[in-house]
Amino acid sequence: MSAVLLLFSACKDTNNSHTDAINYLHDISAFTADSLIQVVIEIPAGTNQKWEVNKETGHIEWDQLTPDSMRIIDYLAYPANYGFVPQTLLSKESGGDGDPVDVFVLGPSIAREQVVKVRIVGIIHMLDAHESDSKLLAVDVHNPGFDVISFEMLQNNYPGAVDIIRIWLMNYKRTGGIEIISVNNEKDAFHYLKSANEAYIDQQLEK
């Protein structure tokens, strides 16, 4: 890990819930001191309200379609907790959507705005409207369920779990536009995440 990467990784490492002062995009590190990853939960498993981080304020907000209409997923509820890794960027220049890296955290429902330490165990590479929008697969290290450390263990111990998420992704928008490219292991997932963290750092240094 580069010296610059270590500098950004030394930022706040927290499991606390939201306060008005915190910016979830910038004030929390992607990596922890014990080599885990931090994820901010936007959407708890089993819900279908589309909440997401506001890139201007860094707060978690319910996505607003019109002045009097909020976004609700018109499909099955989210099959796993959904959130993002702070201090990451899928840059437009590299074919991304300009957002942080998305993550599915497997296991029981986790409250919105919680910051959880996870272990990355895989990745679903996909395009959304021709932009890279891949999804990491992770497990909460403090959750006794889904006690896996690799993609192989996930496939062997929880057969069908990855397929459920993949099928859900292909259908949840109802209008298409999603293309699943591949499903890969934790090594590829970490490489993808590290590249997004470096893109975030480069963007911050340019400001």
C-alpha atoms as a PDB file:
ATOM      1  CA  MET A   1       0.000   0.000   0.000  1.00  0.00           C
ATOM      2  CA  SER A   2       1.446   3.373  -1.014  1.00  0.00           C
ATOM      3  CA  ALA A   3       2.292   6.107   1.466  1.00  0.00           C
ATOM      4  CA  VAL A   4      -0.563   8.225   0.127  1.00  0.00           C
ATOM      5  CA  LEU A   5      -2.963   5.294   0.450  1.00  0.00           C
ATOM      6  CA  LEU A   6      -1.860   4.781   4.029  1.00  0.00           C
ATOM      7  CA  LEU A   7      -2.447   8.456   4.741  1.00  0.00           C
ATOM      8  CA  PHE A   8      -6.067   8.222   3.629  1.00  0.00           C
ATOM      9  CA  SER A   9      -6.508   4.889   5.404  1.00  0.00           C
ATOM     10  CA  ALA A  10      -5.559   6.577   8.664  1.00  0.00           C
ATOM     11  CA  CYS A  11      -8.779   8.590   8.620  1.00  0.00           C
ATOM     12  CA  LYS A  12     -11.687   7.820  10.946  1.00  0.00           C
ATOM     13  CA  ASP A  13     -12.345   4.134  11.643  1.00  0.00           C
ATOM     14  CA  THR A  14     -15.813   3.912  13.178  1.00  0.00           C
ATOM     15  CA  ASN A  15     -18.772   1.672  13.889  1.00  0.00           C
ATOM     16  CA  ASN A  16     -20.977   4.561  15.058  1.00  0.00           C
ATOM     17  CA  SER A  17     -24.237   5.577  13.435  1.00  0.00           C
ATOM     18  CA  HIS A  18     -24.936   8.863  11.677  1.00  0.00           C
ATOM     19  CA  THR A  19     -24.335  12.297  13.124  1.00  0.00           C
ATOM     20  CA  ASP A  20     -24.913  15.558  11.287  1.00  0.00           C
ATOM     21  CA  ALA A  21     -21.200  16.301  11.362  1.00  0.00           C
ATOM     22  CA  ILE A  22     -20.045  13.167   9.570  1.00  0.00           C
ATOM     23  CA  ASN A  23     -19.531  12.973   5.829  1.00  0.00           C
ATOM     24  CA  TYR A  24     -19.857   9.302   4.952  1.00  0.00           C
ATOM     25  CA  LEU A  25     -17.967   9.688   1.693  1.00  0.00           C
ATOM     26  CA  HIS A  26     -14.882  11.426   3.046  1.00  0.00           C
ATOM     27  CA  ASP A  27     -14.656  11.093   6.845  1.00  0.00           C
ATOM     28  CA  ILE A  28     -14.454   7.294   7.018  1.00  0.00           C
ATOM     29  CA  SER A  29     -11.580   5.245   5.659  1.00  0.00           C
ATOM     30  CA  ALA A  30     -12.050   2.437   3.177  1.00  0.00           C
ATOM     31  CA  PHE A  31      -9.546   0.202   4.969  1.00  0.00           C
ATOM     32  CA  THR A  32      -9.162  -0.507   8.669  1.00  0.00           C
ATOM     33  CA  ALA A  33      -5.988  -0.980  10.671  1.00  0.00           C
ATOM     34  CA  ASP A  34      -6.674  -4.734  10.791  1.00  0.00           C
ATOM     35  CA  SER A  35      -6.903  -5.036   6.971  1.00  0.00           C
ATOM     36  CA  LEU A  36     -10.686  -5.166   6.779  1.00  0.00           C
ATOM     37  CA  ILE A  37     -13.031  -2.958   4.742  1.00  0.00           C
ATOM     38  CA  GLN A  38     -15.579  -0.435   6.007  1.00  0.00           C
ATOM     39  CA  VAL A  39     -19.030  -0.226   4.453  1.00  0.00           C
ATOM     40  CA  VAL A  40     -21.753   2.358   5.036  1.00  0.00           C
ATOM     41  CA  ILE A  41     -25.194   0.727   4.888  1.00  0.00           C
ATOM     42  CA  GLU A  42     -27.698   2.606   2.712  1.00  0.00           C
ATOM     43  CA  ILE A  43     -30.408  -0.057   2.343  1.00  0.00           C
ATOM     44  CA  PRO A  44     -31.088  -2.795   4.937  1.00  0.00           C
ATOM     45  CA  ALA A  45     -31.810  -6.307   3.653  1.00  0.00           C
ATOM     46  CA  GLY A  46     -35.526  -6.933   3.146  1.00  0.00           C
ATOM     47  CA  THR A  47     -36.447  -3.324   2.323  1.00  0.00           C
ATOM     48  CA  ASN A  48     -37.124  -1.627  -1.006  1.00  0.00           C
ATOM     49  CA  GLN A  49     -36.785   2.107  -0.344  1.00  0.00           C
ATOM     50  CA  LYS A  50     -33.892   3.372  -2.475  1.00  0.00           C
ATOM     51  CA  TRP A  51     -31.684   5.394  -0.138  1.00  0.00           C
ATOM     52  CA  GLU A  52     -28.232   6.530  -1.240  1.00  0.00           C
ATOM     53  CA  VAL A  53     -25.393   8.821  -0.283  1.00  0.00           C
ATOM     54  CA  ASN A  54     -25.658  12.446  -1.374  1.00  0.00           C
ATOM     55  CA  LYS A  55     -22.320  13.175  -3.060  1.00  0.00           C
ATOM     56  CA  GLU A  56     -22.529  16.861  -2.126  1.00  0.00           C
ATOM     57  CA  THR A  57     -23.228  16.488   1.614  1.00  0.00           C
ATOM     58  CA  GLY A  58     -22.038  12.955   2.289  1.00  0.00           C
ATOM     59  CA  HIS A  59     -25.333  12.184   4.072  1.00  0.00           C
ATOM     60  CA  ILE A  60     -27.642   9.229   3.391  1.00  0.00           C
ATOM     61  CA  GLU A  61     -30.920  10.345   1.803  1.00  0.00           C
ATOM     62  CA  TRP A  62     -34.028   8.765   0.309  1.00  0.00           C
ATOM     63  CA  ASP A  63     -33.695   9.118  -3.475  1.00  0.00           C
ATOM     64  CA  GLN A  64     -36.235  11.695  -4.637  1.00  0.00           C
ATOM     65  CA  LEU A  65     -37.758  11.256  -8.106  1.00  0.00           C
ATOM     66  CA  THR A  66     -39.984  14.337  -8.061  1.00  0.00           C
ATOM     67  CA  PRO A  67     -40.781  16.986  -5.411  1.00  0.00           C
ATOM     68  CA  ASP A  68     -43.515  14.698  -4.025  1.00  0.00           C
ATOM     69  CA  SER A  69     -42.309  11.228  -5.042  1.00  0.00           C
ATOM     70  CA  MET A  70     -39.589   9.075  -3.479  1.00  0.00           C
ATOM     71  CA  ARG A  71     -37.953   6.096  -5.183  1.00  0.00           C
ATOM     72  CA  ILE A  72     -39.122   2.610  -4.251  1.00  0.00           C
ATOM     73  CA  ILE A  73     -37.786  -0.489  -5.999  1.00  0.00           C
ATOM     74  CA  ASP A  74     -40.693  -2.052  -7.916  1.00  0.00           C
ATOM     75  CA  TYR A  75     -39.456  -5.603  -7.498  1.00  0.00           C
ATOM     76  CA  LEU A  76     -38.527  -7.981  -4.692  1.00  0.00           C
ATOM     77  CA  ALA A  77     -36.905  -6.338  -1.668  1.00  0.00           C
ATOM     78  CA  TYR A  78     -33.112  -6.164  -1.455  1.00  0.00           C
ATOM     79  CA  PRO A  79     -31.824  -9.723  -0.848  1.00  0.00           C
ATOM     80  CA  ALA A  80     -28.869  -8.473   1.229  1.00  0.00           C
ATOM     81  CA  ASN A  81     -27.759  -5.282   2.943  1.00  0.00           C
ATOM     82  CA  TYR A  82     -26.589  -2.726   0.402  1.00  0.00           C
ATOM     83  CA  GLY A  83     -24.113   0.085   0.835  1.00  0.00           C
ATOM     84  CA  PHE A  84     -20.835   1.565  -0.341  1.00  0.00           C
ATOM     85  CA  VAL A  85     -17.168   1.757   0.541  1.00  0.00           C
ATOM     86  CA  PRO A  86     -16.177   5.314   1.543  1.00  0.00           C
ATOM     87  CA  GLN A  87     -13.157   6.958  -0.062  1.00  0.00           C
ATOM     88  CA  THR A  88     -13.651   5.086  -3.337  1.00  0.00           C
ATOM     89  CA  LEU A  89     -14.548   6.316  -6.812  1.00  0.00           C
ATOM     90  CA  LEU A  90     -15.580   4.661 -10.066  1.00  0.00           C
ATOM     91  CA  SER A  91     -14.372   7.502 -12.241  1.00  0.00           C
ATOM     92  CA  LYS A  92     -16.159   8.498 -15.428  1.00  0.00           C
ATOM     93  CA  GLU A  93     -12.774   8.587 -17.168  1.00  0.00           C
ATOM     94  CA  SER A  94     -12.307   4.856 -16.539  1.00  0.00           C
ATOM     95  CA  GLY A  95     -15.838   3.957 -17.639  1.00  0.00           C
ATOM     96  CA  GLY A  96     -17.439   4.111 -14.197  1.00  0.00           C
ATOM     97  CA  ASP A  97     -20.578   5.891 -13.023  1.00  0.00           C
ATOM     98  CA  GLY A  98     -18.828   8.483 -10.838  1.00  0.00           C
ATOM     99  CA  ASP A  99     -20.060   6.871  -7.609  1.00  0.00           C
ATOM    100  CA  PRO A 100     -18.291   4.989  -4.800  1.00  0.00           C
ATOM    101  CA  VAL A 101     -17.989   1.183  -4.920  1.00  0.00           C
ATOM    102  CA  ASP A 102     -21.232  -0.650  -4.112  1.00  0.00           C
ATOM    103  CA  VAL A 103     -21.340  -3.621  -1.749  1.00  0.00           C
ATOM    104  CA  PHE A 104     -23.822  -6.336  -0.831  1.00  0.00           C
ATOM    105  CA  VAL A 105     -23.256  -7.377   2.805  1.00  0.00           C
ATOM    106  CA  LEU A 106     -24.706 -10.847   3.289  1.00  0.00           C
ATOM    107  CA  GLY A 107     -26.557 -11.861   6.429  1.00  0.00           C
ATOM    108  CA  PRO A 108     -29.225 -10.428   8.754  1.00  0.00           C
ATOM    109  CA  SER A 109     -30.579  -6.934   8.243  1.00  0.00           C
ATOM    110  CA  ILE A 110     -28.293  -4.075   9.308  1.00  0.00           C
ATOM    111  CA  ALA A 111     -29.720  -0.649  10.162  1.00  0.00           C
ATOM    112  CA  ARG A 112     -29.324   2.166   7.665  1.00  0.00           C
ATOM    113  CA  GLU A 113     -26.313   4.459   8.259  1.00  0.00           C
ATOM    114  CA  GLN A 114     -24.420   1.854  10.246  1.00  0.00           C
ATOM    115  CA  VAL A 115     -20.726   1.567   9.432  1.00  0.00           C
ATOM    116  CA  VAL A 116     -19.685  -2.075   9.472  1.00  0.00           C
ATOM    117  CA  LYS A 117     -16.376  -3.863   9.117  1.00  0.00           C
ATOM    118  CA  VAL A 118     -16.570  -6.490   6.404  1.00  0.00           C
ATOM    119  CA  ARG A 119     -14.494  -9.107   4.666  1.00  0.00           C
ATOM    120  CA  ILE A 120     -14.691  -9.000   0.872  1.00  0.00           C
ATOM    121  CA  VAL A 121     -15.399 -12.456  -0.572  1.00  0.00           C
ATOM    122  CA  GLY A 122     -16.262 -11.809  -4.227  1.00  0.00           C
ATOM    123  CA  ILE A 123     -17.479  -9.469  -6.924  1.00  0.00           C
ATOM    124  CA  ILE A 124     -20.214  -9.364  -9.556  1.00  0.00           C
ATOM    125  CA  HIS A 125     -18.881  -7.421 -12.525  1.00  0.00           C
ATOM    126  CA  MET A 126     -21.704  -5.639 -14.321  1.00  0.00           C
ATOM    127  CA  LEU A 127     -22.621  -2.718 -16.521  1.00  0.00           C
ATOM    128  CA  ASP A 128     -25.534  -0.388 -15.851  1.00  0.00           C
ATOM    129  CA  ALA A 129     -26.463   1.676 -18.899  1.00  0.00           C
ATOM    130  CA  HIS A 130     -23.014   0.804 -20.329  1.00  0.00           C
ATOM    131  CA  GLU A 131     -21.169   2.151 -17.265  1.00  0.00           C
ATOM    132  CA  SER A 132     -19.102  -0.012 -14.908  1.00  0.00           C
ATOM    133  CA  ASP A 133     -21.158  -0.566 -11.753  1.00  0.00           C
ATOM    134  CA  SER A 134     -19.814  -3.799 -10.269  1.00  0.00           C
ATOM    135  CA  LYS A 135     -20.973  -5.005  -6.850  1.00  0.00           C
ATOM    136  CA  LEU A 136     -18.677  -6.368  -4.162  1.00  0.00           C
ATOM    137  CA  LEU A 137     -19.870  -9.313  -2.070  1.00  0.00           C
ATOM    138  CA  ALA A 138     -18.966  -9.142   1.613  1.00  0.00           C
ATOM    139  CA  VAL A 139     -19.681 -10.585   5.046  1.00  0.00           C
ATOM    140  CA  ASP A 140     -19.940  -8.664   8.309  1.00  0.00           C
ATOM    141  CA  VAL A 141     -17.052  -9.844  10.493  1.00  0.00           C
ATOM    142  CA  HIS A 142     -19.147  -9.310  13.638  1.00  0.00           C
ATOM    143  CA  ASN A 143     -22.014 -11.471  12.381  1.00  0.00           C
ATOM    144  CA  PRO A 144     -21.775 -15.153  13.394  1.00  0.00           C
ATOM    145  CA  GLY A 145     -23.673 -16.122  10.241  1.00  0.00           C
ATOM    146  CA  PHE A 146     -21.996 -16.316   6.828  1.00  0.00           C
ATOM    147  CA  ASP A 147     -18.676 -17.234   8.423  1.00  0.00           C
ATOM    148  CA  VAL A 148     -16.720 -17.399   5.161  1.00  0.00           C
ATOM    149  CA  ILE A 149     -13.375 -15.988   4.097  1.00  0.00           C
ATOM    150  CA  SER A 150     -13.371 -16.680   0.365  1.00  0.00           C
ATOM    151  CA  PHE A 151     -15.580 -16.901  -2.702  1.00  0.00           C
ATOM    152  CA  GLU A 152     -15.022 -20.647  -2.826  1.00  0.00           C
ATOM    153  CA  MET A 153     -16.296 -21.027   0.742  1.00  0.00           C
ATOM    154  CA  LEU A 154     -19.306 -18.848  -0.040  1.00  0.00           C
ATOM    155  CA  GLN A 155     -20.218 -21.009  -3.029  1.00  0.00           C
ATOM    156  CA  ASN A 156     -19.671 -24.275  -1.169  1.00  0.00           C
ATOM    157  CA  ASN A 157     -21.274 -23.358   2.165  1.00  0.00           C
ATOM    158  CA  TYR A 158     -24.136 -21.226   0.858  1.00  0.00           C
ATOM    159  CA  PRO A 159     -25.038 -22.604  -2.588  1.00  0.00           C
ATOM    160  CA  GLY A 160     -27.334 -20.329  -4.569  1.00  0.00           C
ATOM    161  CA  ALA A 161     -26.639 -17.164  -2.529  1.00  0.00           C
ATOM    162  CA  VAL A 162     -24.618 -15.534  -5.298  1.00  0.00           C
ATOM    163  CA  ASP A 163     -27.147 -16.616  -7.931  1.00  0.00           C
ATOM    164  CA  ILE A 164     -29.963 -14.966  -5.962  1.00  0.00           C
ATOM    165  CA  ILE A 165     -28.147 -11.621  -5.972  1.00  0.00           C
ATOM    166  CA  ARG A 166     -27.129 -11.959  -9.622  1.00  0.00           C
ATOM    167  CA  ILE A 167     -30.701 -12.702 -10.726  1.00  0.00           C
ATOM    168  CA  TRP A 168     -32.050  -9.879  -8.557  1.00  0.00           C
ATOM    169  CA  LEU A 169     -29.620  -7.416 -10.177  1.00  0.00           C
ATOM    170  CA  MET A 170     -30.685  -8.478 -13.664  1.00  0.00           C
ATOM    171  CA  ASN A 171     -34.350  -7.753 -12.898  1.00  0.00           C
ATOM    172  CA  TYR A 172     -34.729  -5.077 -10.223  1.00  0.00           C
ATOM    173  CA  LYS A 173     -34.780  -2.115 -12.621  1.00  0.00           C
ATOM    174  CA  ARG A 174     -37.583  -3.699 -14.645  1.00  0.00           C
ATOM    175  CA  THR A 175     -36.540  -1.693 -17.732  1.00  0.00           C
ATOM    176  CA  GLY A 176     -33.318  -3.571 -18.438  1.00  0.00           C
ATOM    177  CA  GLY A 177     -29.982  -1.882 -18.958  1.00  0.00           C
ATOM    178  CA  ILE A 178     -28.117  -4.285 -16.664  1.00  0.00           C
ATOM    179  CA  GLU A 179     -25.475  -6.577 -18.134  1.00  0.00           C
ATOM    180  CA  ILE A 180     -23.738  -9.143 -15.937  1.00  0.00           C
ATOM    181  CA  ILE A 181     -20.175  -9.632 -17.172  1.00  0.00           C
ATOM    182  CA  SER A 182     -18.723 -12.153 -14.717  1.00  0.00           C
ATOM    183  CA  VAL A 183     -18.669 -13.290 -11.092  1.00  0.00           C
ATOM    184  CA  ASN A 184     -15.173 -13.468  -9.611  1.00  0.00           C
ATOM    185  CA  ASN A 185     -13.327 -14.217  -6.387  1.00  0.00           C
ATOM    186  CA  GLU A 186     -12.050 -12.106  -3.492  1.00  0.00           C
ATOM    187  CA  LYS A 187      -8.661 -11.396  -5.111  1.00  0.00           C
ATOM    188  CA  ASP A 188     -10.279  -9.763  -8.119  1.00  0.00           C
ATOM    189  CA  ALA A 189     -12.697  -7.934  -5.819  1.00  0.00           C
ATOM    190  CA  PHE A 190      -9.846  -6.482  -3.742  1.00  0.00           C
ATOM    191  CA  HIS A 191      -8.010  -5.368  -6.881  1.00  0.00           C
ATOM    192  CA  TYR A 192     -11.187  -3.591  -8.071  1.00  0.00           C
ATOM    193  CA  LEU A 193     -11.619  -1.931  -4.681  1.00  0.00           C
ATOM    194  CA  LYS A 194      -7.996  -0.831  -4.434  1.00  0.00           C
ATOM    195  CA  SER A 195      -8.169   0.773  -7.890  1.00  0.00           C
ATOM    196  CA  ALA A 196     -11.304   2.693  -6.851  1.00  0.00           C
ATOM    197  CA  ASN A 197      -9.600   3.870  -3.654  1.00  0.00           C
ATOM    198  CA  GLU A 198      -6.611   5.101  -5.660  1.00  0.00           C
ATOM    199  CA  ALA A 199      -8.946   6.919  -8.076  1.00  0.00           C
ATOM    200  CA  TYR A 200     -10.574   8.647  -5.092  1.00  0.00           C
ATOM    201  CA  ILE A 201      -7.170   9.690  -3.731  1.00  0.00           C
ATOM    202  CA  ASP A 202      -6.097  11.045  -7.136  1.00  0.00           C
ATOM    203  CA  GLN A 203      -9.301  13.092  -7.333  1.00  0.00           C
ATOM    204  CA  GLN A 204      -8.746  14.558  -3.868  1.00  0.00           C
ATOM    205  CA  LEU A 205      -5.131  15.479  -4.657  1.00  0.00           C
ATOM    206  CA  GLU A 206      -6.274  17.318  -7.777  1.00  0.00           C
ATOM    207  CA  LYS A 207      -8.600  19.580  -5.783  1.00  0.00           C
END
